[in-house]
């Protein structure tokens, strides 16, 4: 069976999500409807004292600890000496600036693992040298994009551009006001050919500035250090430009000016805050230091008005009936011990309530309606339990958990269309091996059914949010709204795996091909050599399916602690609620 990977995780100490301010809640929420019915409350059969539950708890806790420790190391940026250098210039670090700017505890970081394990020949680029994430400022939800000057003076590596563009694209799709804290030396010249020219490179950032402005998405840029060369366009294309004393804004620095035209001029005279404030008129607000600049940003934002109300239905949030921590013991990565995805949903959904759609049909996909953080949502989730099914000829069969069959694909396609018809955001939970293969599957029209599901996902106009719990393999990744299908956000547990096929299957296939090549050249491998080749191939493949590998390349937005799944989805839904526009839903030609 086919297979595919993705993942990204949060550090709990800086990903606390602030509640929706009471004034906004009063304005946008409908009082929750009381009901005595418990018919849609998800049942649970979990035994927290079982050996299996405890073993799963230990496995996932250890994995979470490992990823969290790596994340804390990334947060150190360029290290203690680089931080000291920044302080000696009278400037705060990017993370210190964010802490001062945003409402306490509201920063929800995205892309922490960007460039993880990359650019080692240049000393690495922690977090790609730029910090991005959602936060609240004066209760207003915003996107933060802050250059980290402790990492190569905030220079743009290839992944830096891609990370900034991803943050801008999230802001564009969800109409999120965006704040840029600029402190960058510009393009990292040794890698300029991978930073400069393409559609997902440096220049796209400024194009997005212009597009966002035309769309009415507020943008504020604060120059709090260097802003040179082409990077100088970013702040000037925003609605408001702030600049601190001691910072520099110029297309060419003093050395380049002297080399190019022979003119000797100081950095302050060429492009200091005083000059841009009083002579060029480029700067709207000149501030003496970081603290004053950040205070000014907060003052500007608290005077913003409100745009049209979101069309997404929301009521007062209700906590799940079951503790989120139990998800550690429920999830099981072993194919021999399938788990019930509904047990996960029972610890994510408001009140643990779920109206399951076509519960007795296509059982390897769970579809249904619920609420998360008060928002009405449609759930499409891979079921890992094996199921008994009866085909059209009356024959009994066992359907394997995590596999998409013809019936489950058709059910999901119809459900997704229903959610679009009724303006219900969609949440996808991945733990998928792929589509079923073989004669019976082909005869049942599995390709045709899969095409329906892919069509519905592709043309969906309601917000889509993807959570990769376990495997996300092959065409199953596509049908479940992978990165190529424009989910507003992609989150992943540290258990996520993202590849064309699983490590075992891929290694077996690649080794057989290698053995056949060797045999054609007259060489035969011994059993030990064969096993060594198999293990080496599997090890390499498994490294590439690790969620941190995918997060480094921005295939996902955030690796999350499983217990934070509900909060992460609620945060994403609040962001999506800022965009009131919904396109007309059309699916084109569907295979029947």
Protein backbone atom coordinates (compact mmCIF):
# COMPACT_ATOMS: atom_id res chain seq x y z
CA UNK A 1 0.00 0.00 0.00
CA UNK A 2 1.08 3.50 -0.72
CA UNK A 3 2.26 5.93 1.97
CA UNK A 4 3.52 9.73 2.76
CA UNK A 5 4.99 12.05 5.95
CA UNK A 6 4.48 15.40 7.78
CA UNK A 7 4.85 16.83 11.36
CA UNK A 8 5.59 19.84 13.67
CA UNK A 9 5.49 20.24 17.53
CA UNK A 10 4.94 23.04 20.07
CA UNK A 11 6.85 23.84 23.21
CA UNK A 12 4.21 24.22 25.87
CA UNK A 13 5.87 27.11 27.70
CA UNK A 14 5.50 29.46 24.75
CA UNK A 15 2.42 28.12 23.00
CA UNK A 16 -0.24 28.93 25.56
CA UNK A 17 -3.32 30.11 23.70
CA UNK A 18 -5.20 33.03 25.15
CA UNK A 19 -8.99 32.75 25.32
CA UNK A 20 -11.19 34.81 23.04
CA UNK A 21 -11.68 38.19 24.75
CA UNK A 22 -15.08 38.48 26.42
CA UNK A 23 -16.03 41.50 24.34
CA UNK A 24 -15.41 39.58 21.12
CA UNK A 25 -17.08 36.46 22.48
CA UNK A 26 -20.20 38.47 23.33
CA UNK A 27 -20.27 39.94 19.85
CA UNK A 28 -19.60 36.82 17.78
CA UNK A 29 -20.95 33.87 19.74
CA UNK A 30 -24.47 32.53 20.16
CA UNK A 31 -25.41 31.29 23.66
CA UNK A 32 -25.04 27.54 23.80
CA UNK A 33 -28.25 25.58 23.47
CA UNK A 34 -28.89 23.34 26.48
CA UNK A 35 -29.93 19.80 25.74
CA UNK A 36 -30.68 16.78 27.89
CA UNK A 37 -29.83 14.29 25.16
CA UNK A 38 -26.64 12.25 25.46
CA UNK A 39 -27.20 10.18 22.33
CA UNK A 40 -24.31 11.83 20.50
CA UNK A 41 -21.75 11.62 23.32
CA UNK A 42 -18.89 9.39 22.23
CA UNK A 43 -18.52 6.32 24.47
CA UNK A 44 -15.12 5.21 25.75
CA UNK A 45 -13.73 1.75 26.45
CA UNK A 46 -10.25 2.84 27.54
CA UNK A 47 -8.63 1.17 30.55
CA UNK A 48 -5.93 3.56 31.79
CA UNK A 49 -4.51 0.82 34.02
CA UNK A 50 -3.78 -1.64 31.21
CA UNK A 51 -0.19 -2.53 30.32
CA UNK A 52 -0.76 -1.49 26.71
CA UNK A 53 -2.07 1.93 27.74
CA UNK A 54 0.89 2.53 30.05
CA UNK A 55 3.41 1.41 27.41
CA UNK A 56 1.87 3.80 24.87
CA UNK A 57 2.01 6.60 27.46
CA UNK A 58 5.72 6.07 28.04
CA UNK A 59 6.52 5.87 24.33
CA UNK A 60 4.75 9.08 23.40
CA UNK A 61 5.94 10.95 26.50
CA UNK A 62 9.56 10.08 25.67
CA UNK A 63 9.09 11.15 22.06
CA UNK A 64 7.47 14.42 23.13
CA UNK A 65 10.32 15.12 25.54
CA UNK A 66 12.88 14.60 22.78
CA UNK A 67 11.13 16.93 20.37
CA UNK A 68 10.49 19.54 23.06
CA UNK A 69 14.17 19.57 24.01
CA UNK A 70 15.15 20.10 20.38
CA UNK A 71 12.65 22.93 20.16
CA UNK A 72 14.10 24.63 23.23
CA UNK A 73 17.54 24.43 21.64
CA UNK A 74 16.19 26.06 18.46
CA UNK A 75 14.77 28.89 20.58
CA UNK A 76 18.29 29.81 21.63
CA UNK A 77 18.81 31.19 18.11
CA UNK A 78 22.41 32.05 17.32
CA UNK A 79 23.54 31.36 20.89
CA UNK A 80 24.61 33.32 23.97
CA UNK A 81 27.35 35.36 22.25
CA UNK A 82 24.99 36.48 19.48
CA UNK A 83 22.38 37.46 22.07
CA UNK A 84 25.00 39.45 24.01
CA UNK A 85 26.04 41.22 20.80
CA UNK A 86 22.43 42.20 20.14
CA UNK A 87 22.07 43.55 23.68
CA UNK A 88 25.32 45.50 23.37
CA UNK A 89 23.75 47.38 20.46
CA UNK A 90 20.91 48.43 22.75
CA UNK A 91 18.49 46.07 20.99
CA UNK A 92 16.24 43.25 22.15
CA UNK A 93 16.30 39.81 20.57
CA UNK A 94 13.40 38.80 18.34
CA UNK A 95 11.82 36.64 21.04
CA UNK A 96 12.22 39.38 23.65
CA UNK A 97 10.51 41.82 21.29
CA UNK A 98 7.62 39.43 20.74
CA UNK A 99 7.18 38.93 24.49
CA UNK A 100 6.96 42.71 24.97
CA UNK A 101 4.63 43.22 22.01
CA UNK A 102 1.93 40.59 22.40
CA UNK A 103 -0.73 39.99 25.04
CA UNK A 104 0.77 37.79 27.74
CA UNK A 105 0.85 34.09 26.89
CA UNK A 106 -0.81 34.51 23.49
CA UNK A 107 2.05 33.66 21.10
CA UNK A 108 1.33 30.53 19.04
CA UNK A 109 4.54 29.85 17.14
CA UNK A 110 4.50 28.39 13.64
CA UNK A 111 7.44 26.95 11.72
CA UNK A 112 9.76 26.49 14.70
CA UNK A 113 11.55 23.56 13.07
CA UNK A 114 12.05 25.32 9.71
CA UNK A 115 15.54 24.59 8.31
CA UNK A 116 16.14 22.07 11.12
CA UNK A 117 19.22 20.03 10.20
CA UNK A 118 19.85 22.16 7.11
CA UNK A 119 22.69 24.55 6.15
CA UNK A 120 25.08 22.77 8.53
CA UNK A 121 28.02 23.74 6.32
CA UNK A 122 27.20 27.39 7.17
CA UNK A 123 26.71 26.75 10.87
CA UNK A 124 22.98 26.11 10.59
CA UNK A 125 20.02 28.46 10.64
CA UNK A 126 17.84 27.84 13.72
CA UNK A 127 14.16 28.42 12.89
CA UNK A 128 15.43 29.64 9.49
CA UNK A 129 16.49 32.90 11.15
CA UNK A 130 12.94 34.24 11.42
CA UNK A 131 10.19 33.76 14.00
CA UNK A 132 6.57 33.51 12.84
CA UNK A 133 3.31 32.83 14.61
CA UNK A 134 -0.13 33.98 15.65
CA UNK A 135 -0.62 36.21 18.69
CA UNK A 136 -3.02 38.70 20.20
CA UNK A 137 -2.20 42.38 20.54
CA UNK A 138 -4.78 44.40 22.45
CA UNK A 139 -7.00 41.29 22.04
CA UNK A 140 -6.70 41.43 18.23
CA UNK A 141 -5.42 38.31 16.46
CA UNK A 142 -2.35 39.07 14.32
CA UNK A 143 0.45 37.32 12.46
CA UNK A 144 3.98 38.07 13.72
CA UNK A 145 7.03 37.88 11.39
CA UNK A 146 10.24 38.79 13.24
CA UNK A 147 13.80 38.54 11.91
CA UNK A 148 16.17 36.89 14.38
CA UNK A 149 19.34 38.98 14.16
CA UNK A 150 21.20 36.47 16.35
CA UNK A 151 21.17 34.06 13.39
CA UNK A 152 23.61 35.34 10.72
CA UNK A 153 22.47 38.94 11.36
CA UNK A 154 18.95 37.98 10.29
CA UNK A 155 20.08 37.16 6.74
CA UNK A 156 17.65 35.39 4.42
CA UNK A 157 18.47 31.75 3.67
CA UNK A 158 16.31 29.94 1.08
CA UNK A 159 14.09 28.54 3.87
CA UNK A 160 13.85 32.00 5.46
CA UNK A 161 12.07 33.32 2.38
CA UNK A 162 9.81 30.28 2.23
CA UNK A 163 8.91 30.61 5.90
CA UNK A 164 8.05 34.31 5.58
CA UNK A 165 5.98 33.58 2.47
CA UNK A 166 4.14 30.74 4.23
CA UNK A 167 3.26 33.13 7.08
CA UNK A 168 2.07 35.72 4.56
CA UNK A 169 0.00 33.13 2.70
CA UNK A 170 -1.70 32.14 5.95
CA UNK A 171 -2.39 35.83 6.58
CA UNK A 172 -3.76 36.28 3.06
CA UNK A 173 -6.06 33.27 3.17
CA UNK A 174 -7.41 34.13 6.62
CA UNK A 175 -7.21 37.97 6.36
CA UNK A 176 -4.93 38.23 9.40
CA UNK A 177 -3.31 41.61 10.15
CA UNK A 178 0.47 41.20 9.99
CA UNK A 179 3.26 42.76 12.04
CA UNK A 180 6.86 42.67 10.76
CA UNK A 181 9.72 43.23 13.21
CA UNK A 182 12.55 43.95 10.78
CA UNK A 183 16.20 43.37 11.69
CA UNK A 184 17.97 41.76 8.75
CA UNK A 185 21.18 42.05 6.77
CA UNK A 186 19.34 40.96 3.61
CA UNK A 187 20.03 37.95 1.39
CA UNK A 188 22.59 35.36 2.56
CA UNK A 189 24.90 35.90 -0.41
CA UNK A 190 26.59 32.45 -0.57
CA UNK A 191 23.15 30.97 -1.34
CA UNK A 192 21.76 33.87 -3.35
CA UNK A 193 20.82 31.73 -6.36
CA UNK A 194 18.35 29.84 -4.14
CA UNK A 195 17.00 32.97 -2.45
CA UNK A 196 16.59 35.55 -5.17
CA UNK A 197 14.65 34.72 -8.35
CA UNK A 198 11.81 32.18 -8.03
CA UNK A 199 8.11 32.48 -7.14
CA UNK A 200 8.70 31.22 -3.60
CA UNK A 201 11.86 33.28 -3.07
CA UNK A 202 12.76 36.71 -1.64
CA UNK A 203 10.95 38.88 -4.16
CA UNK A 204 7.63 37.16 -3.50
CA UNK A 205 7.64 38.69 -0.02
CA UNK A 206 7.28 42.21 -1.43
CA UNK A 207 4.73 41.09 -3.99
CA UNK A 208 2.69 39.69 -1.10
CA UNK A 209 3.03 43.01 0.74
CA UNK A 210 1.35 44.73 -2.19
CA UNK A 211 -1.35 42.07 -2.58
CA UNK A 212 -2.17 42.10 1.13
CA UNK A 213 -2.46 45.88 1.10
CA UNK A 214 -4.82 45.76 -1.87
CA UNK A 215 -6.94 43.17 -0.03
CA UNK A 216 -7.26 45.47 2.97
CA UNK A 217 -5.15 43.31 5.29
CA UNK A 218 -3.44 45.70 7.74
CA UNK A 219 0.38 45.53 7.83
CA UNK A 220 2.74 47.27 10.25
CA UNK A 221 6.52 47.17 9.88
CA UNK A 222 8.93 48.20 12.61
CA UNK A 223 12.58 48.65 11.57
CA UNK A 224 14.52 47.76 14.70
CA UNK A 225 17.99 47.19 13.25
CA UNK A 226 19.32 46.86 9.74
CA UNK A 227 17.05 46.83 6.69
CA UNK A 228 19.16 46.91 3.55
CA UNK A 229 19.10 46.33 -0.21
CA UNK A 230 15.92 44.77 -1.64
CA UNK A 231 14.71 44.07 1.89
CA UNK A 232 14.12 47.78 2.26
CA UNK A 233 10.96 47.43 0.20
CA UNK A 234 9.19 45.26 2.79
CA UNK A 235 8.55 47.93 5.44
CA UNK A 236 7.87 50.70 2.94
CA UNK A 237 5.12 48.62 1.30
CA UNK A 238 3.26 48.29 4.61
CA UNK A 239 0.52 50.55 5.94
CA UNK A 240 2.60 51.89 8.82
CA UNK A 241 6.40 52.19 9.09
CA UNK A 242 8.11 52.63 12.45
CA UNK A 243 11.85 52.98 13.01
CA UNK A 244 14.07 53.08 16.05
CA UNK A 245 17.09 55.35 16.50
CA UNK A 246 20.29 53.56 15.56
CA UNK A 247 18.59 51.49 12.84
CA UNK A 248 19.35 51.73 9.14
CA UNK A 249 17.15 51.67 6.04
CA UNK A 250 18.84 51.95 2.64
CA UNK A 251 19.03 50.23 -0.72
CA UNK A 252 22.83 50.29 -0.55
CA UNK A 253 24.98 50.67 2.55
CA UNK A 254 27.84 53.19 2.90
CA UNK A 255 30.51 50.78 1.61
CA UNK A 256 28.53 49.90 -1.52
CA UNK A 257 27.67 53.55 -2.16
CA UNK A 258 31.34 54.47 -2.02
CA UNK A 259 32.28 51.57 -4.32
CA UNK A 260 29.50 52.34 -6.78
CA UNK A 261 29.58 56.15 -7.04
CA UNK A 262 32.55 57.22 -4.92
CA UNK A 263 30.40 59.03 -2.35
CA UNK A 264 31.46 58.87 1.29
CA UNK A 265 28.55 59.07 3.70
CA UNK A 266 27.80 57.75 7.20
CA UNK A 267 25.12 55.13 7.80
CA UNK A 268 23.10 57.58 9.89
CA UNK A 269 23.18 60.29 7.22
CA UNK A 270 22.48 57.79 4.46
CA UNK A 271 19.52 56.01 6.01
CA UNK A 272 19.10 56.63 9.73
CA UNK A 273 15.82 57.11 11.57
CA UNK A 274 16.27 60.89 11.84
CA UNK A 275 16.82 61.26 8.09
CA UNK A 276 13.86 59.07 7.13
CA UNK A 277 11.64 60.80 9.65
CA UNK A 278 12.49 64.40 8.78
CA UNK A 279 13.89 64.40 5.21
CA UNK A 280 12.72 61.46 3.09
CA UNK A 281 9.40 61.18 4.96
CA UNK A 282 9.58 57.38 4.67
CA UNK A 283 9.01 56.70 8.37
CA UNK A 284 5.65 57.35 10.02
CA UNK A 285 6.86 57.00 13.61
CA UNK A 286 10.41 57.52 14.88
CA UNK A 287 11.00 55.88 18.25
CA UNK A 288 14.01 56.07 20.60
CA UNK A 289 14.26 52.35 21.37
CA UNK A 290 12.66 48.94 21.07
CA UNK A 291 10.35 49.35 24.06
CA UNK A 292 8.88 52.62 22.78
CA UNK A 293 8.47 51.20 19.29
CA UNK A 294 6.59 48.14 20.51
CA UNK A 295 4.37 50.28 22.73
CA UNK A 296 3.53 52.43 19.69
CA UNK A 297 2.50 49.34 17.71
CA UNK A 298 0.11 48.31 20.48
CA UNK A 299 -1.32 51.82 20.57
CA UNK A 300 -1.99 51.77 16.82
CA UNK A 301 -3.63 48.36 16.88
CA UNK A 302 -6.00 49.08 19.75
CA UNK A 303 -7.67 51.75 17.62
CA UNK A 304 -8.48 49.46 14.67
CA UNK A 305 -12.11 48.87 13.76
CA UNK A 306 -13.77 45.52 13.07
CA UNK A 307 -14.64 44.03 9.71
CA UNK A 308 -17.60 41.88 8.77
CA UNK A 309 -18.61 38.97 10.95
CA UNK A 310 -17.44 35.47 10.11
CA UNK A 311 -20.01 33.10 8.55
CA UNK A 312 -18.79 30.14 10.63
CA UNK A 313 -21.25 29.08 13.34
CA UNK A 314 -19.89 29.38 16.87
CA UNK A 315 -21.24 28.91 20.37
CA UNK A 316 -19.73 28.96 23.83
CA UNK A 317 -16.97 26.31 24.08
CA UNK A 318 -17.52 23.25 26.25
CA UNK A 319 -14.63 21.11 27.48
CA UNK A 320 -14.49 17.45 26.40
CA UNK A 321 -15.85 15.02 28.99
CA UNK A 322 -12.64 13.01 28.92
CA UNK A 323 -9.06 14.11 29.77
CA UNK A 324 -6.82 15.00 26.83
CA UNK A 325 -3.81 13.38 28.52
CA UNK A 326 -5.33 9.96 27.85
CA UNK A 327 -4.54 10.39 24.15
CA UNK A 328 -0.95 9.48 25.05
CA UNK A 329 -2.10 6.00 26.02
CA UNK A 330 -4.70 5.59 23.28
CA UNK A 331 -2.49 6.16 20.26
CA UNK A 332 -0.61 3.06 19.15
CA UNK A 333 1.82 3.07 16.24
CA UNK A 334 1.91 -0.71 15.99
CA UNK A 335 0.02 -2.11 12.95
CA UNK A 336 -0.71 -5.22 15.00
CA UNK A 337 -2.59 -3.23 17.66
CA UNK A 338 -5.05 -0.85 15.99
CA UNK A 339 -6.68 1.88 18.05
CA UNK A 340 -10.06 3.58 17.85
CA UNK A 341 -9.86 7.07 16.32
CA UNK A 342 -13.18 7.91 17.99
CA UNK A 343 -11.38 7.71 21.34
CA UNK A 344 -9.11 10.52 20.12
CA UNK A 345 -12.09 12.56 18.92
CA UNK A 346 -13.83 12.12 22.28
CA UNK A 347 -10.94 14.02 23.88
CA UNK A 348 -10.93 16.83 21.30
CA UNK A 349 -14.59 17.64 20.59
CA UNK A 350 -16.69 19.97 22.73
CA UNK A 351 -18.61 17.91 25.28
CA UNK A 352 -17.24 14.78 23.54
CA UNK A 353 -20.30 15.06 21.30
CA UNK A 354 -20.23 13.71 17.74
CA UNK A 355 -23.01 13.19 15.19
CA UNK A 356 -21.52 10.43 13.07
CA UNK A 357 -22.42 10.43 9.38
CA UNK A 358 -23.21 7.05 7.76
CA UNK A 359 -21.75 5.24 10.75
CA UNK A 360 -22.37 1.76 9.32
CA UNK A 361 -20.99 2.44 5.84
CA UNK A 362 -17.38 2.86 4.75
CA UNK A 363 -16.18 2.31 8.31
CA UNK A 364 -12.45 2.91 7.68
CA UNK A 365 -13.22 6.64 7.43
CA UNK A 366 -15.06 8.33 10.29
CA UNK A 367 -17.13 11.34 9.20
CA UNK A 368 -19.42 13.46 11.29
CA UNK A 369 -20.32 16.76 12.92
CA UNK A 370 -19.16 18.25 16.19
CA UNK A 371 -17.71 21.40 17.74
CA UNK A 372 -14.19 22.43 18.66
CA UNK A 373 -13.68 25.59 20.70
CA UNK A 374 -17.35 26.35 20.10
CA UNK A 375 -16.97 26.27 16.30
CA UNK A 376 -19.14 23.85 14.33
CA UNK A 377 -16.88 21.50 12.35
CA UNK A 378 -17.05 18.53 10.06
CA UNK A 379 -14.61 15.72 10.89
CA UNK A 380 -12.99 13.38 8.36
CA UNK A 381 -10.73 10.90 10.19
CA UNK A 382 -9.04 7.64 9.34
CA UNK A 383 -10.30 4.80 11.53
CA UNK A 384 -7.54 2.43 12.59
CA UNK A 385 -9.81 -0.38 13.79
CA UNK A 386 -10.45 -3.24 11.37
CA UNK A 387 -14.09 -3.51 10.30
CA UNK A 388 -16.48 -6.15 9.00
CA UNK A 389 -18.14 -5.19 5.71
CA UNK A 390 -20.55 -6.70 3.20
CA UNK A 391 -20.12 -6.04 -0.53
CA UNK A 392 -22.88 -5.64 -3.12
CA UNK A 393 -22.86 -9.37 -3.81
CA UNK A 394 -23.48 -10.14 -0.14
CA UNK A 395 -19.95 -11.39 0.51
CA UNK A 396 -18.40 -10.70 3.93
CA UNK A 397 -14.91 -9.25 4.21
CA UNK A 398 -12.59 -7.60 6.71
CA UNK A 399 -11.54 -4.04 5.92
CA UNK A 400 -8.16 -3.02 7.31
CA UNK A 401 -7.97 0.04 9.53
CA UNK A 402 -6.17 3.04 8.05
CA UNK A 403 -6.97 1.98 4.47
CA UNK A 404 -9.40 3.91 2.27
CA UNK A 405 -11.84 1.61 0.48
CA UNK A 406 -14.31 2.50 -2.28
CA UNK A 407 -17.22 2.90 0.14
CA UNK A 408 -15.28 5.07 2.60
CA UNK A 409 -14.00 7.33 -0.21
CA UNK A 410 -17.52 7.80 -1.59
CA UNK A 411 -18.88 8.53 1.90
CA UNK A 412 -16.17 11.10 2.56
CA UNK A 413 -16.66 12.80 -0.82
CA UNK A 414 -20.37 13.22 -0.15
CA UNK A 415 -19.76 14.42 3.41
CA UNK A 416 -17.21 17.01 2.30
CA UNK A 417 -19.67 18.36 -0.26
CA UNK A 418 -22.38 18.53 2.41
CA UNK A 419 -20.09 20.57 4.68
CA UNK A 420 -19.40 23.00 1.87
CA UNK A 421 -23.11 23.26 1.11
CA UNK A 422 -23.82 24.15 4.74
CA UNK A 423 -20.75 26.32 5.51
CA UNK A 424 -19.10 23.97 8.01
CA UNK A 425 -15.26 24.06 8.31
CA UNK A 426 -13.52 20.71 7.80
CA UNK A 427 -10.96 19.05 10.09
CA UNK A 428 -8.96 16.09 8.74
CA UNK A 429 -7.28 13.61 11.09
CA UNK A 430 -4.63 11.52 9.28
CA UNK A 431 -3.46 8.02 10.06
CA UNK A 432 -3.72 6.56 6.59
CA UNK A 433 -1.85 3.78 4.80
CA UNK A 434 -3.34 4.65 1.43
CA UNK A 435 -6.10 3.41 -0.85
CA UNK A 436 -6.93 -0.31 -1.07
CA UNK A 437 -5.31 -2.17 -3.95
CA UNK A 438 -5.95 -5.49 -5.69
CA UNK A 439 -8.49 -6.98 -8.08
CA UNK A 440 -11.53 -6.60 -5.84
CA UNK A 441 -10.66 -2.98 -5.11
CA UNK A 442 -10.11 -2.16 -8.79
CA UNK A 443 -13.34 -3.88 -9.79
CA UNK A 444 -15.21 -1.88 -7.16
CA UNK A 445 -14.00 1.36 -8.79
CA UNK A 446 -11.49 2.46 -6.15
CA UNK A 447 -9.79 4.92 -8.53
CA UNK A 448 -13.12 6.46 -9.45
CA UNK A 449 -14.18 6.76 -5.81
CA UNK A 450 -10.80 8.20 -4.85
CA UNK A 451 -11.09 10.75 -7.64
CA UNK A 452 -14.44 11.89 -6.23
CA UNK A 453 -12.91 12.43 -2.81
CA UNK A 454 -9.89 14.27 -4.21
CA UNK A 455 -12.21 16.44 -6.32
CA UNK A 456 -14.33 17.36 -3.29
CA UNK A 457 -11.25 18.20 -1.20
CA UNK A 458 -9.66 20.19 -4.04
CA UNK A 459 -12.71 22.36 -4.66
CA UNK A 460 -13.74 22.79 -1.03
CA UNK A 461 -14.31 26.47 -0.15
CA UNK A 462 -14.75 26.20 3.63
CA UNK A 463 -11.66 26.37 5.88
CA UNK A 464 -9.73 23.09 5.98
CA UNK A 465 -7.41 22.17 8.83
CA UNK A 466 -5.24 19.06 8.78
CA UNK A 467 -3.90 17.15 11.80
CA UNK A 468 -1.45 14.32 11.03
CA UNK A 469 -1.66 11.87 13.91
CA UNK A 470 0.25 8.91 12.49
CA UNK A 471 0.99 7.78 8.96
CA UNK A 472 0.12 9.99 6.02
CA UNK A 473 1.09 7.85 3.07
CA UNK A 474 0.73 7.99 -0.69
CA UNK A 475 -2.49 9.01 -2.35
CA UNK A 476 -4.20 8.76 1.05
CA UNK A 477 -2.24 11.88 2.04
CA UNK A 478 -3.71 13.73 -0.93
CA UNK A 479 -7.30 12.63 -0.36
CA UNK A 480 -7.07 13.62 3.32
CA UNK A 481 -6.13 17.21 2.44
CA UNK A 482 -2.35 17.18 2.42
CA UNK A 483 -0.24 20.29 1.84
CA UNK A 484 -0.94 20.37 -1.90
CA UNK A 485 -4.69 20.77 -1.22
CA UNK A 486 -4.45 24.13 0.57
CA UNK A 487 -5.39 23.44 4.18
CA UNK A 488 -5.39 26.70 6.12
CA UNK A 489 -3.10 25.04 8.70
CA UNK A 490 -1.28 21.70 8.97
CA UNK A 491 -0.49 20.38 12.43
CA UNK A 492 1.20 17.10 13.27
CA UNK A 493 1.85 14.95 16.29
CA UNK A 494 5.45 13.82 16.88
CA UNK A 495 4.26 10.34 15.85
CA UNK A 496 3.49 11.52 12.31
CA UNK A 497 5.07 9.84 9.32
CA UNK A 498 4.91 11.41 5.88
CA UNK A 499 6.11 9.57 2.76
CA UNK A 500 5.09 7.75 -0.40
CA UNK A 501 5.11 4.48 1.54
CA UNK A 502 6.12 3.22 4.97
CA UNK A 503 9.77 2.60 5.80
CA UNK A 504 9.43 -1.19 5.77
CA UNK A 505 7.62 -1.26 2.44
CA UNK A 506 9.95 1.27 0.82
CA UNK A 507 13.10 -0.42 2.08
CA UNK A 508 11.90 -3.80 0.83
CA UNK A 509 11.10 -2.40 -2.60
CA UNK A 510 14.36 -0.46 -2.96
CA UNK A 511 16.48 -3.40 -1.78
CA UNK A 512 14.84 -5.79 -4.24
CA UNK A 513 15.57 -3.37 -7.07
CA UNK A 514 19.20 -3.08 -5.92
CA UNK A 515 19.58 -6.86 -5.68
CA UNK A 516 18.23 -7.31 -9.20
CA UNK A 517 20.71 -4.73 -10.48
CA UNK A 518 23.59 -6.57 -8.78
CA UNK A 519 22.42 -9.93 -10.10
CA UNK A 520 22.40 -8.59 -13.66
CA UNK A 521 26.05 -7.65 -13.16
CA UNK A 522 26.83 -11.16 -11.88
CA UNK A 523 27.04 -10.42 -8.14
CA UNK A 524 25.09 -12.28 -5.46
CA UNK A 525 24.58 -10.92 -1.95
CA UNK A 526 24.89 -13.09 1.14
CA UNK A 527 22.09 -13.08 3.72
CA UNK A 528 24.17 -10.81 6.00
CA UNK A 529 24.88 -8.37 3.17
CA UNK A 530 21.22 -8.37 2.20
CA UNK A 531 20.11 -7.65 5.79
CA UNK A 532 22.72 -4.90 6.16
CA UNK A 533 21.52 -3.27 2.94
CA UNK A 534 17.91 -3.55 4.10
CA UNK A 535 18.62 -1.96 7.48
CA UNK A 536 20.71 0.84 5.96
CA UNK A 537 18.02 1.66 3.41
CA UNK A 538 15.27 1.56 6.02
CA UNK A 539 17.25 3.79 8.41
CA UNK A 540 17.75 6.45 5.73
CA UNK A 541 14.11 6.29 4.66
CA UNK A 542 12.84 6.48 8.26
CA UNK A 543 14.92 9.61 8.87
CA UNK A 544 13.19 11.28 5.94
CA UNK A 545 9.73 10.30 7.22
CA UNK A 546 10.38 11.81 10.66
CA UNK A 547 8.09 14.79 11.33
CA UNK A 548 11.05 17.05 12.08
CA UNK A 549 12.34 16.41 8.56
CA UNK A 550 8.99 17.52 7.15
CA UNK A 551 8.74 20.47 9.52
CA UNK A 552 12.21 21.62 8.46
CA UNK A 553 10.90 21.91 4.91
CA UNK A 554 7.62 23.62 5.94
CA UNK A 555 5.47 20.68 4.82
CA UNK A 556 3.67 21.29 8.10
CA UNK A 557 3.17 24.41 10.18
CA UNK A 558 3.63 23.07 13.69
CA UNK A 559 4.47 19.89 15.57
CA UNK A 560 1.98 19.82 18.42
CA UNK A 561 1.73 17.96 21.69
CA UNK A 562 -1.27 15.61 21.29
CA UNK A 563 -2.92 17.12 24.39
CA UNK A 564 -2.83 20.52 22.63
CA UNK A 565 -4.71 19.26 19.56
CA UNK A 566 -8.00 20.87 20.54
CA UNK A 567 -6.35 24.22 21.37
CA UNK A 568 -4.36 24.26 18.13
CA UNK A 569 -7.47 23.60 16.03
CA UNK A 570 -9.44 26.24 17.93
CA UNK A 571 -6.66 28.77 17.32
CA UNK A 572 -6.70 27.94 13.61
CA UNK A 573 -10.48 28.31 13.47
CA UNK A 574 -10.30 31.71 15.16
CA UNK A 575 -7.80 32.78 12.50
CA UNK A 576 -10.02 31.44 9.73
CA UNK A 577 -12.97 33.35 11.19
CA UNK A 578 -11.27 36.64 10.28
CA UNK A 579 -12.04 36.00 6.61
CA UNK A 580 -15.78 36.38 5.95
CA UNK A 581 -15.57 35.71 2.22
CA UNK A 582 -16.63 32.30 0.92
CA UNK A 583 -16.39 31.47 -2.77
CA UNK A 584 -19.15 29.66 -4.63
CA UNK A 585 -18.76 25.89 -4.22
CA UNK A 586 -18.34 24.01 -7.49
CA UNK A 587 -16.88 20.55 -8.08
CA UNK A 588 -16.86 20.29 -11.86
CA UNK A 589 -17.17 16.82 -13.41
CA UNK A 590 -17.47 13.94 -10.93
CA UNK A 591 -16.86 10.35 -12.05
CA UNK A 592 -20.00 8.27 -11.46
